[in-house]
């Protein structure tokens, strides 16, 4: 019962999407109908500027941190893993917004930090290196996702709940970036450039 409660709380917290609410109130627009159609930090930054993108990134990470803290307090490491998986799912398929959310990268970054700060720094360094070489955020995201379980396993060998959450995150992030992957293979994926609006 406790894990079910944690999952529900985590999912409902994860379903909160400040980007959708902020853009709707500020610009009378739905970010899911602009740019790439993704309600995440990268698309918000592309369309509405770096400030709006950073706001989205921060609030996405904050809700994952809140869910993880609740899970940890209620049921330790397993509770943390359940809460993280649930908040990640809520972010990608939010109940409040017709199950159309983001692609989970910012939430996955916070989850990495909750699991192990060294894991987070390894992913951040990988993300930054790929970005410097390619200037394509989608390639950075997919690369980090593919390496997500392996990097965690290097620090924590074994197949505990957190490792399976990492595998789940990898699968979902790659799946949600399938359109980006097709464009990358065709050489059509644009470089990241923040918008000027706002």
N, C-alpha and C. Protein backbone atom coordinates (compact mmCIF):
# COMPACT_ATOMS: atom_id res chain seq x y z
N UNK A 1 0.82 -1.21 0.00
CA UNK A 1 0.00 0.00 0.00
C UNK A 1 0.86 1.27 0.00
N UNK A 2 1.96 1.23 0.75
CA UNK A 2 2.78 2.43 0.84
C UNK A 2 3.43 2.77 -0.50
N UNK A 3 3.84 1.73 -1.23
CA UNK A 3 4.44 1.98 -2.54
C UNK A 3 3.41 2.50 -3.54
N UNK A 4 2.19 2.02 -3.42
CA UNK A 4 1.11 2.53 -4.26
C UNK A 4 0.85 4.00 -3.98
N UNK A 5 0.85 4.37 -2.71
CA UNK A 5 0.65 5.77 -2.33
C UNK A 5 1.79 6.64 -2.87
N UNK A 6 3.01 6.15 -2.73
CA UNK A 6 4.17 6.89 -3.24
C UNK A 6 4.06 7.08 -4.75
N UNK A 7 3.64 6.02 -5.44
CA UNK A 7 3.51 6.10 -6.90
C UNK A 7 2.47 7.13 -7.31
N UNK A 8 1.36 7.16 -6.61
CA UNK A 8 0.31 8.13 -6.93
C UNK A 8 0.79 9.55 -6.68
N UNK A 9 1.40 9.78 -5.53
CA UNK A 9 1.91 11.12 -5.20
C UNK A 9 2.96 11.54 -6.22
N UNK A 10 3.88 10.63 -6.53
CA UNK A 10 4.93 10.94 -7.49
C UNK A 10 4.38 11.26 -8.86
N UNK A 11 3.39 10.49 -9.30
CA UNK A 11 2.80 10.73 -10.61
C UNK A 11 2.08 12.07 -10.67
N UNK A 12 1.33 12.39 -9.64
CA UNK A 12 0.59 13.66 -9.62
C UNK A 12 1.53 14.85 -9.56
N UNK A 13 2.62 14.73 -8.81
CA UNK A 13 3.62 15.80 -8.79
C UNK A 13 4.30 15.93 -10.15
N UNK A 14 4.64 14.79 -10.73
CA UNK A 14 5.29 14.81 -12.03
C UNK A 14 4.42 15.38 -13.13
N UNK A 15 3.10 15.25 -12.97
CA UNK A 15 2.16 15.74 -13.98
C UNK A 15 2.05 17.27 -14.00
N UNK A 16 2.56 17.93 -12.97
CA UNK A 16 2.57 19.39 -12.96
C UNK A 16 3.57 19.87 -14.00
N UNK A 17 3.12 20.68 -14.94
CA UNK A 17 4.01 21.19 -15.99
C UNK A 17 3.93 22.71 -16.01
N UNK A 18 4.90 23.34 -15.40
CA UNK A 18 4.91 24.79 -15.30
C UNK A 18 5.06 25.43 -16.67
N UNK A 19 5.78 24.78 -17.58
CA UNK A 19 5.97 25.34 -18.92
C UNK A 19 4.64 25.57 -19.62
N UNK A 20 3.76 24.59 -19.55
CA UNK A 20 2.45 24.72 -20.20
C UNK A 20 1.67 25.86 -19.58
N UNK A 21 1.64 25.90 -18.25
CA UNK A 21 0.87 26.92 -17.54
C UNK A 21 1.46 28.31 -17.79
N UNK A 22 2.78 28.43 -17.68
CA UNK A 22 3.45 29.73 -17.83
C UNK A 22 3.27 30.29 -19.24
N UNK A 23 3.51 29.48 -20.25
CA UNK A 23 3.40 29.95 -21.63
C UNK A 23 1.94 30.29 -21.95
N UNK A 24 1.04 29.51 -21.42
CA UNK A 24 -0.39 29.78 -21.67
C UNK A 24 -0.80 31.11 -21.05
N UNK A 25 -0.33 31.39 -19.85
CA UNK A 25 -0.71 32.64 -19.17
C UNK A 25 0.05 33.84 -19.75
N UNK A 26 1.33 33.66 -20.05
CA UNK A 26 2.16 34.78 -20.49
C UNK A 26 1.91 35.14 -21.96
N UNK A 27 1.80 34.12 -22.80
CA UNK A 27 1.74 34.38 -24.23
C UNK A 27 0.43 33.92 -24.89
N UNK A 28 -0.50 33.39 -24.08
CA UNK A 28 -1.76 32.89 -24.61
C UNK A 28 -1.51 31.86 -25.71
N UNK A 29 -0.58 30.96 -25.46
CA UNK A 29 -0.21 29.95 -26.44
C UNK A 29 0.00 28.61 -25.72
N UNK A 30 -0.08 27.54 -26.48
CA UNK A 30 0.21 26.21 -25.96
C UNK A 30 1.56 25.78 -26.52
N UNK A 31 2.54 25.63 -25.64
CA UNK A 31 3.89 25.29 -26.08
C UNK A 31 3.90 23.99 -26.87
N UNK A 32 2.90 23.15 -26.67
CA UNK A 32 2.84 21.88 -27.40
C UNK A 32 2.41 22.07 -28.85
N UNK A 33 2.00 23.28 -29.20
CA UNK A 33 1.67 23.60 -30.59
C UNK A 33 2.72 24.51 -31.22
N UNK A 34 3.84 24.71 -30.52
CA UNK A 34 4.90 25.59 -31.01
C UNK A 34 6.20 24.80 -31.12
N UNK A 35 7.06 25.24 -32.02
CA UNK A 35 8.36 24.60 -32.16
C UNK A 35 8.25 23.12 -32.44
N UNK A 36 8.93 22.34 -31.62
CA UNK A 36 8.91 20.88 -31.79
C UNK A 36 7.66 20.24 -31.22
N UNK A 37 6.86 21.02 -30.49
CA UNK A 37 5.66 20.48 -29.88
C UNK A 37 5.90 19.81 -28.54
N UNK A 38 7.10 19.94 -28.01
CA UNK A 38 7.45 19.31 -26.74
C UNK A 38 7.33 20.31 -25.60
N UNK A 39 6.69 19.89 -24.52
CA UNK A 39 6.52 20.76 -23.35
C UNK A 39 7.71 20.60 -22.40
N UNK A 40 8.90 20.85 -22.93
CA UNK A 40 10.11 20.71 -22.14
C UNK A 40 11.00 21.92 -22.26
N UNK A 41 12.08 21.92 -21.51
CA UNK A 41 12.94 23.09 -21.40
C UNK A 41 13.56 23.50 -22.73
N UNK A 42 13.99 22.55 -23.53
CA UNK A 42 14.66 22.89 -24.79
C UNK A 42 13.72 23.61 -25.74
N UNK A 43 12.52 23.07 -25.92
CA UNK A 43 11.57 23.69 -26.83
C UNK A 43 11.12 25.06 -26.31
N UNK A 44 10.92 25.18 -25.01
CA UNK A 44 10.55 26.46 -24.43
C UNK A 44 11.65 27.49 -24.68
N UNK A 45 12.90 27.09 -24.49
CA UNK A 45 14.02 28.01 -24.72
C UNK A 45 14.13 28.40 -26.19
N UNK A 46 13.90 27.46 -27.09
CA UNK A 46 13.95 27.75 -28.52
C UNK A 46 12.91 28.81 -28.92
N UNK A 47 11.70 28.65 -28.37
CA UNK A 47 10.59 29.49 -28.80
C UNK A 47 10.49 30.78 -27.99
N UNK A 48 10.66 30.69 -26.68
CA UNK A 48 10.37 31.83 -25.80
C UNK A 48 11.58 32.39 -25.06
N UNK A 49 12.76 31.90 -25.36
CA UNK A 49 13.95 32.48 -24.77
C UNK A 49 14.57 31.63 -23.67
N UNK A 50 15.84 31.92 -23.40
CA UNK A 50 16.60 31.13 -22.45
C UNK A 50 16.04 31.22 -21.03
N UNK A 51 15.53 32.38 -20.65
CA UNK A 51 14.98 32.54 -19.30
C UNK A 51 13.81 31.61 -19.06
N UNK A 52 12.89 31.54 -20.03
CA UNK A 52 11.74 30.65 -19.90
C UNK A 52 12.19 29.19 -19.90
N UNK A 53 13.22 28.90 -20.68
CA UNK A 53 13.74 27.53 -20.70
C UNK A 53 14.35 27.13 -19.37
N UNK A 54 15.10 28.05 -18.75
CA UNK A 54 15.69 27.76 -17.45
C UNK A 54 14.63 27.62 -16.36
N UNK A 55 13.57 28.43 -16.46
CA UNK A 55 12.45 28.30 -15.52
C UNK A 55 11.83 26.91 -15.64
N UNK A 56 11.64 26.46 -16.86
CA UNK A 56 11.08 25.13 -17.09
C UNK A 56 12.00 24.05 -16.52
N UNK A 57 13.29 24.16 -16.81
CA UNK A 57 14.24 23.18 -16.30
C UNK A 57 14.22 23.12 -14.78
N UNK A 58 14.23 24.29 -14.15
CA UNK A 58 14.26 24.33 -12.69
C UNK A 58 13.01 23.74 -12.05
N UNK A 59 11.85 24.08 -12.58
CA UNK A 59 10.61 23.57 -11.98
C UNK A 59 10.43 22.08 -12.27
N UNK A 60 10.88 21.61 -13.43
CA UNK A 60 10.83 20.17 -13.71
C UNK A 60 11.68 19.40 -12.72
N UNK A 61 12.86 19.92 -12.43
CA UNK A 61 13.74 19.25 -11.48
C UNK A 61 13.20 19.35 -10.06
N UNK A 62 12.58 20.47 -9.74
CA UNK A 62 12.03 20.66 -8.39
C UNK A 62 10.92 19.67 -8.08
N UNK A 63 10.03 19.44 -9.05
CA UNK A 63 8.92 18.51 -8.78
C UNK A 63 9.44 17.08 -8.62
N UNK A 64 10.47 16.72 -9.39
CA UNK A 64 11.06 15.39 -9.24
C UNK A 64 11.75 15.25 -7.88
N UNK A 65 12.40 16.33 -7.45
CA UNK A 65 13.06 16.31 -6.14
C UNK A 65 12.05 16.17 -5.02
N UNK A 66 10.91 16.88 -5.14
CA UNK A 66 9.87 16.78 -4.11
C UNK A 66 9.31 15.37 -4.04
N UNK A 67 9.04 14.78 -5.20
CA UNK A 67 8.51 13.41 -5.22
C UNK A 67 9.53 12.44 -4.63
N UNK A 68 10.80 12.60 -5.01
CA UNK A 68 11.83 11.71 -4.50
C UNK A 68 12.00 11.83 -2.99
N UNK A 69 11.92 13.05 -2.48
CA UNK A 69 12.06 13.26 -1.03
C UNK A 69 10.93 12.56 -0.28
N UNK A 70 9.72 12.69 -0.80
CA UNK A 70 8.57 12.03 -0.16
C UNK A 70 8.75 10.52 -0.18
N UNK A 71 9.16 9.99 -1.34
CA UNK A 71 9.38 8.55 -1.44
C UNK A 71 10.44 8.05 -0.48
N UNK A 72 11.52 8.82 -0.36
CA UNK A 72 12.61 8.44 0.55
C UNK A 72 12.14 8.47 2.00
N UNK A 73 11.41 9.49 2.37
CA UNK A 73 10.94 9.62 3.75
C UNK A 73 9.98 8.50 4.12
N UNK A 74 9.16 8.08 3.18
CA UNK A 74 8.15 7.07 3.48
C UNK A 74 8.67 5.64 3.41
N UNK A 75 9.62 5.39 2.51
CA UNK A 75 10.02 3.98 2.31
C UNK A 75 11.47 3.82 1.87
N UNK A 76 12.35 4.72 2.24
CA UNK A 76 13.77 4.54 1.98
C UNK A 76 14.13 4.49 0.50
N UNK A 77 15.15 3.70 0.17
CA UNK A 77 15.67 3.67 -1.20
C UNK A 77 14.66 3.14 -2.20
N UNK A 78 13.90 2.13 -1.80
CA UNK A 78 12.88 1.60 -2.72
C UNK A 78 11.79 2.64 -2.95
N UNK A 79 11.41 3.34 -1.89
CA UNK A 79 10.42 4.40 -2.04
C UNK A 79 10.92 5.51 -2.95
N UNK A 80 12.20 5.84 -2.84
CA UNK A 80 12.81 6.84 -3.73
C UNK A 80 12.71 6.39 -5.18
N UNK A 81 13.04 5.13 -5.44
CA UNK A 81 13.00 4.62 -6.81
C UNK A 81 11.58 4.65 -7.37
N UNK A 82 10.62 4.24 -6.57
CA UNK A 82 9.21 4.25 -7.01
C UNK A 82 8.75 5.67 -7.31
N UNK A 83 9.07 6.60 -6.41
CA UNK A 83 8.66 7.99 -6.60
C UNK A 83 9.29 8.59 -7.85
N UNK A 84 10.56 8.29 -8.08
CA UNK A 84 11.24 8.83 -9.25
C UNK A 84 10.64 8.30 -10.54
N UNK A 85 10.37 7.00 -10.59
CA UNK A 85 9.75 6.42 -11.79
C UNK A 85 8.38 7.02 -12.03
N UNK A 86 7.63 7.22 -10.95
CA UNK A 86 6.27 7.77 -11.08
C UNK A 86 6.29 9.22 -11.52
N UNK A 87 7.18 10.03 -10.95
CA UNK A 87 7.23 11.44 -11.34
C UNK A 87 7.71 11.59 -12.78
N UNK A 88 8.64 10.74 -13.20
CA UNK A 88 9.10 10.75 -14.58
C UNK A 88 7.95 10.40 -15.52
N UNK A 89 7.15 9.40 -15.16
CA UNK A 89 6.00 9.02 -15.98
C UNK A 89 4.99 10.16 -16.05
N UNK A 90 4.73 10.81 -14.91
CA UNK A 90 3.79 11.93 -14.89
C UNK A 90 4.25 13.08 -15.76
N UNK A 91 5.56 13.33 -15.78
CA UNK A 91 6.08 14.41 -16.62
C UNK A 91 5.84 14.11 -18.10
N UNK A 92 6.08 12.88 -18.49
CA UNK A 92 5.95 12.51 -19.90
C UNK A 92 4.49 12.39 -20.33
N UNK A 93 3.65 11.88 -19.41
CA UNK A 93 2.22 11.68 -19.73
C UNK A 93 1.37 12.26 -18.60
N UNK A 94 1.28 13.60 -18.53
CA UNK A 94 0.61 14.26 -17.40
C UNK A 94 -0.91 14.16 -17.45
N UNK A 95 -1.49 13.77 -16.35
CA UNK A 95 -2.94 13.61 -16.29
C UNK A 95 -3.66 14.95 -16.42
N UNK A 96 -3.02 16.04 -15.99
CA UNK A 96 -3.67 17.35 -16.02
C UNK A 96 -3.71 17.97 -17.42
N UNK A 97 -2.92 17.45 -18.35
CA UNK A 97 -2.78 18.10 -19.65
C UNK A 97 -2.96 17.11 -20.80
N UNK A 98 -3.95 16.25 -20.66
CA UNK A 98 -4.29 15.33 -21.74
C UNK A 98 -3.20 14.33 -22.06
N UNK A 99 -2.35 14.02 -21.09
CA UNK A 99 -1.28 13.03 -21.24
C UNK A 99 -0.28 13.42 -22.33
N UNK A 100 -0.13 14.73 -22.58
CA UNK A 100 0.87 15.24 -23.52
C UNK A 100 1.84 16.12 -22.76
N UNK A 101 3.02 15.59 -22.47
CA UNK A 101 3.98 16.33 -21.67
C UNK A 101 5.32 16.46 -22.34
N UNK A 102 6.37 16.43 -21.54
CA UNK A 102 7.73 16.57 -22.05
C UNK A 102 8.36 15.22 -22.35
N UNK A 103 9.65 15.26 -22.67
CA UNK A 103 10.37 14.04 -23.02
C UNK A 103 11.20 13.48 -21.88
N UNK A 104 11.13 14.11 -20.71
CA UNK A 104 11.67 13.52 -19.50
C UNK A 104 13.13 13.80 -19.19
N UNK A 105 13.82 14.57 -20.01
CA UNK A 105 15.26 14.72 -19.82
C UNK A 105 15.60 15.50 -18.55
N UNK A 106 14.90 16.61 -18.31
CA UNK A 106 15.19 17.40 -17.11
C UNK A 106 14.84 16.64 -15.84
N UNK A 107 13.74 15.89 -15.87
CA UNK A 107 13.37 15.07 -14.71
C UNK A 107 14.40 13.96 -14.51
N UNK A 108 14.85 13.36 -15.60
CA UNK A 108 15.88 12.31 -15.51
C UNK A 108 17.16 12.86 -14.91
N UNK A 109 17.49 14.12 -15.22
CA UNK A 109 18.69 14.74 -14.65
C UNK A 109 18.56 14.86 -13.13
N UNK A 110 17.39 15.28 -12.67
CA UNK A 110 17.18 15.39 -11.23
C UNK A 110 17.21 14.02 -10.56
N UNK A 111 16.64 13.03 -11.21
CA UNK A 111 16.65 11.67 -10.66
C UNK A 111 18.08 11.17 -10.51
N UNK A 112 18.92 11.46 -11.51
CA UNK A 112 20.33 11.08 -11.41
C UNK A 112 20.98 11.72 -10.18
N UNK A 113 20.66 12.99 -9.94
CA UNK A 113 21.21 13.69 -8.79
C UNK A 113 20.70 13.09 -7.48
N UNK A 114 19.45 12.68 -7.46
CA UNK A 114 18.89 12.06 -6.26
C UNK A 114 19.52 10.69 -5.99
N UNK A 115 19.82 9.97 -7.05
CA UNK A 115 20.42 8.64 -6.88
C UNK A 115 21.87 8.72 -6.42
N UNK A 116 22.64 9.64 -7.02
CA UNK A 116 24.06 9.74 -6.69
C UNK A 116 24.62 10.98 -7.39
N UNK A 117 25.16 11.92 -6.64
CA UNK A 117 25.66 13.16 -7.25
C UNK A 117 26.77 12.89 -8.25
N UNK A 118 27.53 11.81 -8.05
CA UNK A 118 28.59 11.47 -9.00
C UNK A 118 27.98 11.02 -10.34
N UNK A 119 26.90 10.30 -10.26
CA UNK A 119 26.16 9.86 -11.44
C UNK A 119 25.68 11.08 -12.23
N UNK A 120 25.15 12.05 -11.52
CA UNK A 120 24.68 13.28 -12.16
C UNK A 120 25.82 14.00 -12.87
N UNK A 121 26.97 14.12 -12.21
CA UNK A 121 28.10 14.83 -12.81
C UNK A 121 28.63 14.10 -14.04
N UNK A 122 28.64 12.78 -14.00
CA UNK A 122 29.08 12.01 -15.17
C UNK A 122 28.15 12.26 -16.36
N UNK A 123 26.86 12.26 -16.11
CA UNK A 123 25.90 12.52 -17.18
C UNK A 123 26.01 13.95 -17.69
N UNK A 124 26.20 14.89 -16.77
CA UNK A 124 26.34 16.29 -17.16
C UNK A 124 27.57 16.49 -18.03
N UNK A 125 28.68 15.86 -17.66
CA UNK A 125 29.90 15.97 -18.45
C UNK A 125 29.71 15.36 -19.84
N UNK A 126 29.04 14.23 -19.90
CA UNK A 126 28.76 13.59 -21.19
C UNK A 126 27.87 14.48 -22.05
N UNK A 127 26.82 15.02 -21.44
CA UNK A 127 25.89 15.91 -22.16
C UNK A 127 26.64 17.12 -22.72
N UNK A 128 27.48 17.73 -21.88
CA UNK A 128 28.22 18.92 -22.30
C UNK A 128 29.19 18.61 -23.42
N UNK A 129 29.87 17.47 -23.34
CA UNK A 129 30.84 17.10 -24.37
C UNK A 129 30.16 16.90 -25.72
N UNK A 130 29.04 16.19 -25.71
CA UNK A 130 28.32 15.95 -26.96
C UNK A 130 27.77 17.27 -27.51
N UNK A 131 27.30 18.15 -26.63
CA UNK A 131 26.78 19.43 -27.10
C UNK A 131 27.88 20.28 -27.74
N UNK A 132 29.06 20.30 -27.14
CA UNK A 132 30.15 21.08 -27.70
C UNK A 132 30.56 20.56 -29.09
N UNK A 133 30.42 19.27 -29.29
CA UNK A 133 30.78 18.67 -30.57
C UNK A 133 29.69 18.80 -31.63
N UNK A 134 28.43 18.82 -31.19
CA UNK A 134 27.33 18.73 -32.16
C UNK A 134 26.39 19.93 -32.17
N UNK A 135 26.23 20.61 -31.03
CA UNK A 135 25.26 21.69 -30.86
C UNK A 135 23.82 21.21 -31.00
N UNK A 136 23.59 19.91 -30.84
CA UNK A 136 22.25 19.34 -30.97
C UNK A 136 21.82 18.75 -29.63
N UNK A 137 20.86 19.38 -28.98
CA UNK A 137 20.42 18.94 -27.66
C UNK A 137 19.82 17.54 -27.73
N UNK A 138 19.10 17.25 -28.80
CA UNK A 138 18.47 15.92 -28.91
C UNK A 138 19.53 14.82 -28.92
N UNK A 139 20.64 15.04 -29.60
CA UNK A 139 21.72 14.05 -29.62
C UNK A 139 22.32 13.89 -28.23
N UNK A 140 22.48 15.01 -27.52
CA UNK A 140 22.97 14.96 -26.14
C UNK A 140 22.03 14.13 -25.27
N UNK A 141 20.73 14.38 -25.41
CA UNK A 141 19.73 13.70 -24.59
C UNK A 141 19.71 12.21 -24.86
N UNK A 142 19.73 11.83 -26.13
CA UNK A 142 19.69 10.41 -26.48
C UNK A 142 20.97 9.71 -26.03
N UNK A 143 22.10 10.36 -26.23
CA UNK A 143 23.38 9.77 -25.80
C UNK A 143 23.40 9.55 -24.29
N UNK A 144 22.97 10.56 -23.55
CA UNK A 144 22.94 10.44 -22.08
C UNK A 144 21.97 9.34 -21.66
N UNK A 145 20.83 9.25 -22.34
CA UNK A 145 19.84 8.23 -22.00
C UNK A 145 20.38 6.82 -22.24
N UNK A 146 21.05 6.63 -23.36
CA UNK A 146 21.60 5.31 -23.68
C UNK A 146 22.65 4.89 -22.65
N UNK A 147 23.41 5.86 -22.16
CA UNK A 147 24.46 5.57 -21.18
C UNK A 147 23.94 5.55 -19.73
N UNK A 148 22.71 5.95 -19.54
CA UNK A 148 22.14 6.14 -18.19
C UNK A 148 22.28 4.89 -17.30
N UNK A 149 21.77 3.72 -17.73
CA UNK A 149 21.89 2.55 -16.84
C UNK A 149 23.34 2.12 -16.63
N UNK A 150 24.13 2.17 -17.71
CA UNK A 150 25.51 1.71 -17.59
C UNK A 150 26.34 2.55 -16.64
N UNK A 151 26.17 3.86 -16.70
CA UNK A 151 26.92 4.73 -15.80
C UNK A 151 26.50 4.51 -14.35
N UNK A 152 25.18 4.32 -14.14
CA UNK A 152 24.72 4.04 -12.78
C UNK A 152 25.31 2.73 -12.28
N UNK A 153 25.34 1.72 -13.16
CA UNK A 153 25.85 0.40 -12.76
C UNK A 153 27.33 0.47 -12.39
N UNK A 154 28.09 1.34 -13.07
CA UNK A 154 29.51 1.49 -12.73
C UNK A 154 29.70 1.92 -11.29
N UNK A 155 28.80 2.77 -10.81
CA UNK A 155 28.89 3.27 -9.44
C UNK A 155 28.23 2.34 -8.43
N UNK A 156 27.18 1.66 -8.88
CA UNK A 156 26.40 0.81 -7.99
C UNK A 156 26.13 -0.53 -8.67
N UNK A 157 27.11 -1.42 -8.72
CA UNK A 157 26.91 -2.72 -9.38
C UNK A 157 25.78 -3.50 -8.69
N UNK A 158 24.96 -4.11 -9.52
CA UNK A 158 23.82 -4.86 -8.98
C UNK A 158 22.54 -4.44 -9.69
N UNK A 159 21.48 -5.15 -9.37
CA UNK A 159 20.22 -4.95 -10.07
C UNK A 159 19.10 -4.62 -9.07
N UNK A 160 19.30 -3.51 -8.35
CA UNK A 160 18.30 -3.05 -7.41
C UNK A 160 17.24 -2.21 -8.10
N UNK A 161 16.28 -1.69 -7.33
CA UNK A 161 15.19 -0.88 -7.90
C UNK A 161 15.68 0.32 -8.69
N UNK A 162 16.71 1.01 -8.21
CA UNK A 162 17.20 2.20 -8.90
C UNK A 162 17.73 1.85 -10.29
N UNK A 163 18.40 0.71 -10.43
CA UNK A 163 18.93 0.31 -11.73
C UNK A 163 17.80 0.10 -12.73
N UNK A 164 16.72 -0.52 -12.29
CA UNK A 164 15.60 -0.76 -13.21
C UNK A 164 14.88 0.54 -13.57
N UNK A 165 14.88 1.50 -12.64
CA UNK A 165 14.36 2.82 -12.97
C UNK A 165 15.22 3.46 -14.05
N UNK A 166 16.52 3.30 -13.95
CA UNK A 166 17.43 3.83 -14.96
C UNK A 166 17.16 3.21 -16.33
N UNK A 167 16.90 1.90 -16.36
CA UNK A 167 16.59 1.23 -17.62
C UNK A 167 15.27 1.75 -18.20
N UNK A 168 14.30 1.97 -17.33
CA UNK A 168 13.01 2.51 -17.76
C UNK A 168 13.18 3.90 -18.35
N UNK A 169 13.95 4.74 -17.69
CA UNK A 169 14.20 6.09 -18.18
C UNK A 169 14.88 6.05 -19.54
N UNK A 170 15.87 5.19 -19.67
CA UNK A 170 16.55 5.07 -20.96
C UNK A 170 15.57 4.73 -22.07
N UNK A 171 14.74 3.73 -21.85
CA UNK A 171 13.81 3.27 -22.89
C UNK A 171 12.82 4.37 -23.26
N UNK A 172 12.27 5.07 -22.27
CA UNK A 172 11.26 6.09 -22.55
C UNK A 172 11.87 7.30 -23.25
N UNK A 173 13.02 7.76 -22.78
CA UNK A 173 13.64 8.93 -23.41
C UNK A 173 13.99 8.64 -24.87
N UNK A 174 14.54 7.48 -25.14
CA UNK A 174 14.87 7.12 -26.52
C UNK A 174 13.59 7.03 -27.36
N UNK A 175 12.55 6.41 -26.81
CA UNK A 175 11.29 6.29 -27.54
C UNK A 175 10.69 7.67 -27.85
N UNK A 176 10.69 8.56 -26.88
CA UNK A 176 10.10 9.88 -27.09
C UNK A 176 10.94 10.76 -28.02
N UNK A 177 12.18 10.39 -28.23
CA UNK A 177 13.05 11.12 -29.16
C UNK A 177 13.13 10.43 -30.53
N UNK A 178 12.23 9.51 -30.81
CA UNK A 178 12.33 8.76 -32.07
C UNK A 178 12.26 9.68 -33.29
N UNK A 179 11.45 10.73 -33.22
CA UNK A 179 11.40 11.68 -34.33
C UNK A 179 12.72 12.42 -34.49
N UNK A 180 13.31 12.81 -33.37
CA UNK A 180 14.62 13.48 -33.40
C UNK A 180 15.69 12.55 -33.98
N UNK A 181 15.61 11.28 -33.60
CA UNK A 181 16.60 10.31 -34.10
C UNK A 181 16.51 10.18 -35.62
N UNK A 182 15.28 10.14 -36.12
CA UNK A 182 15.11 10.06 -37.57
C UNK A 182 15.69 11.29 -38.27
N UNK A 183 15.46 12.48 -37.68
CA UNK A 183 16.01 13.69 -38.27
C UNK A 183 17.54 13.73 -38.17
N UNK A 184 18.08 13.21 -37.06
CA UNK A 184 19.54 13.14 -36.92
C UNK A 184 20.14 12.25 -38.00
N UNK A 185 19.50 11.12 -38.25
CA UNK A 185 20.01 10.19 -39.26
C UNK A 185 19.93 10.79 -40.66
N UNK A 186 18.93 11.66 -40.89
CA UNK A 186 18.79 12.30 -42.20
C UNK A 186 19.61 13.59 -42.29
N UNK A 187 20.24 14.00 -41.19
CA UNK A 187 21.00 15.24 -41.18
C UNK A 187 20.13 16.47 -41.16
N UNK A 188 18.91 16.36 -40.63
CA UNK A 188 17.95 17.46 -40.65
C UNK A 188 17.68 18.06 -39.28
N UNK A 189 18.29 17.53 -38.25
CA UNK A 189 18.04 18.04 -36.90
C UNK A 189 18.76 19.38 -36.72
N UNK A 190 18.03 20.43 -36.29
CA UNK A 190 18.66 21.75 -36.16
C UNK A 190 19.55 21.86 -34.92
N UNK A 191 20.52 22.77 -34.99
CA UNK A 191 21.32 23.09 -33.82
C UNK A 191 20.46 23.85 -32.82
N UNK A 192 20.89 23.84 -31.56
CA UNK A 192 20.13 24.56 -30.53
C UNK A 192 20.49 26.04 -30.57
N UNK A 193 19.44 26.87 -30.67
CA UNK A 193 19.59 28.32 -30.58
C UNK A 193 18.42 28.86 -29.78
N UNK A 194 18.69 29.50 -28.64
CA UNK A 194 17.58 30.04 -27.85
C UNK A 194 16.85 31.15 -28.59
N UNK A 195 15.54 31.22 -28.39
CA UNK A 195 14.74 32.25 -29.04
C UNK A 195 14.93 33.59 -28.39
N UNK A 196 14.41 34.61 -29.02
CA UNK A 196 14.53 35.99 -28.53
C UNK A 196 13.29 36.45 -27.79
N UNK A 197 12.18 35.75 -27.98
CA UNK A 197 10.92 36.20 -27.41
C UNK A 197 10.98 36.19 -25.89
N UNK A 198 10.44 37.21 -25.26
CA UNK A 198 10.41 37.25 -23.80
C UNK A 198 11.74 37.68 -23.20
